[in-house]
Amino acid sequence: MRKSDKIRLQHMLDTAREALEFASSSCREDLERDRKLVLA
């Protein structure tokens, strides 16, 4: 695996973790009302 691939994968992992953290305090009803949560 090339170094640039590892960097891209690390960015994706970081972003996925951030999205999970952002949505962790939300419930299903919040998802239906909040476009940011849908995109996260």
N, C-alpha and C. Protein backbone atom coordinates (compact mmCIF):
# COMPACT_ATOMS: atom_id res chain seq x y z
N MET A 1 0.85 -1.17 0.00
CA MET A 1 0.00 0.00 0.00
C MET A 1 0.90 1.24 0.00
N ARG A 2 0.54 2.17 -0.84
CA ARG A 2 1.32 3.41 -0.91
C ARG A 2 1.03 4.30 0.29
N LYS A 3 1.99 5.15 0.60
CA LYS A 3 1.83 6.07 1.73
C LYS A 3 0.61 6.97 1.55
N SER A 4 0.39 7.44 0.32
CA SER A 4 -0.77 8.32 0.07
C SER A 4 -2.09 7.60 0.33
N ASP A 5 -2.13 6.29 0.06
CA ASP A 5 -3.34 5.51 0.34
C ASP A 5 -3.59 5.43 1.85
N LYS A 6 -2.53 5.22 2.60
CA LYS A 6 -2.66 5.16 4.06
C LYS A 6 -3.15 6.49 4.61
N ILE A 7 -2.67 7.57 4.08
CA ILE A 7 -3.10 8.90 4.52
C ILE A 7 -4.58 9.10 4.22
N ARG A 8 -5.01 8.73 3.02
CA ARG A 8 -6.43 8.85 2.66
C ARG A 8 -7.31 8.02 3.58
N LEU A 9 -6.88 6.79 3.85
CA LEU A 9 -7.65 5.92 4.73
C LEU A 9 -7.72 6.50 6.15
N GLN A 10 -6.64 7.09 6.61
CA GLN A 10 -6.64 7.70 7.93
C GLN A 10 -7.60 8.88 7.99
N HIS A 11 -7.65 9.67 6.93
CA HIS A 11 -8.60 10.79 6.86
C HIS A 11 -10.04 10.28 6.90
N MET A 12 -10.32 9.20 6.17
CA MET A 12 -11.68 8.63 6.18
C MET A 12 -12.05 8.11 7.56
N LEU A 13 -11.10 7.45 8.21
CA LEU A 13 -11.35 6.93 9.55
C LEU A 13 -11.59 8.07 10.54
N ASP A 14 -10.79 9.11 10.47
CA ASP A 14 -10.96 10.27 11.35
C ASP A 14 -12.33 10.91 11.15
N THR A 15 -12.72 11.05 9.90
CA THR A 15 -14.01 11.67 9.59
C THR A 15 -15.17 10.81 10.06
N ALA A 16 -15.06 9.50 9.89
CA ALA A 16 -16.11 8.59 10.34
C ALA A 16 -16.26 8.65 11.86
N ARG A 17 -15.13 8.70 12.57
CA ARG A 17 -15.18 8.81 14.03
C ARG A 17 -15.83 10.12 14.46
N GLU A 18 -15.49 11.18 13.76
CA GLU A 18 -16.07 12.48 14.08
C GLU A 18 -17.59 12.48 13.85
N ALA A 19 -18.03 11.85 12.77
CA ALA A 19 -19.47 11.77 12.49
C ALA A 19 -20.18 10.96 13.57
N LEU A 20 -19.58 9.87 14.00
CA LEU A 20 -20.18 9.07 15.07
C LEU A 20 -20.28 9.86 16.37
N GLU A 21 -19.23 10.60 16.68
CA GLU A 21 -19.25 11.43 17.89
C GLU A 21 -20.33 12.51 17.79
N PHE A 22 -20.44 13.11 16.63
CA PHE A 22 -21.43 14.15 16.41
C PHE A 22 -22.85 13.62 16.60
N ALA A 23 -23.09 12.41 16.15
CA ALA A 23 -24.44 11.85 16.18
C ALA A 23 -24.73 11.05 17.45
N SER A 24 -23.75 10.82 18.28
CA SER A 24 -23.92 9.91 19.42
C SER A 24 -24.95 10.38 20.43
N SER A 25 -25.17 11.67 20.55
CA SER A 25 -26.14 12.16 21.53
C SER A 25 -27.51 12.41 20.92
N SER A 26 -27.74 11.86 19.75
CA SER A 26 -29.00 12.09 19.04
C SER A 26 -29.86 10.84 19.04
N CYS A 27 -31.14 11.03 18.81
CA CYS A 27 -32.06 9.90 18.70
C CYS A 27 -32.64 9.87 17.28
N ARG A 28 -33.43 8.88 17.00
CA ARG A 28 -34.01 8.70 15.66
C ARG A 28 -34.82 9.92 15.22
N GLU A 29 -35.58 10.49 16.13
CA GLU A 29 -36.40 11.65 15.79
C GLU A 29 -35.52 12.84 15.38
N ASP A 30 -34.37 12.98 16.04
CA ASP A 30 -33.43 14.05 15.66
C ASP A 30 -32.96 13.86 14.22
N LEU A 31 -32.71 12.62 13.87
CA LEU A 31 -32.24 12.31 12.51
C LEU A 31 -33.27 12.73 11.47
N GLU A 32 -34.53 12.54 11.79
CA GLU A 32 -35.59 12.90 10.85
C GLU A 32 -35.76 14.41 10.70
N ARG A 33 -35.31 15.18 11.70
CA ARG A 33 -35.49 16.63 11.67
C ARG A 33 -34.22 17.41 11.31
N ASP A 34 -33.08 16.78 11.41
CA ASP A 34 -31.81 17.52 11.31
C ASP A 34 -31.01 17.02 10.10
N ARG A 35 -30.92 17.83 9.09
CA ARG A 35 -30.21 17.46 7.86
C ARG A 35 -28.73 17.18 8.13
N LYS A 36 -28.12 17.89 9.08
CA LYS A 36 -26.70 17.67 9.41
C LYS A 36 -26.47 16.24 9.89
N LEU A 37 -27.41 15.74 10.69
CA LEU A 37 -27.28 14.36 11.15
C LEU A 37 -27.41 13.38 10.00
N VAL A 38 -28.30 13.65 9.09
CA VAL A 38 -28.45 12.79 7.92
C VAL A 38 -27.12 12.73 7.14
N LEU A 39 -26.50 13.87 6.96
CA LEU A 39 -25.25 13.93 6.22
C LEU A 39 -24.09 13.31 7.00
N ALA A 40 -24.16 13.39 8.32
CA ALA A 40 -23.11 12.78 9.15
C ALA A 40 -23.20 11.28 9.05
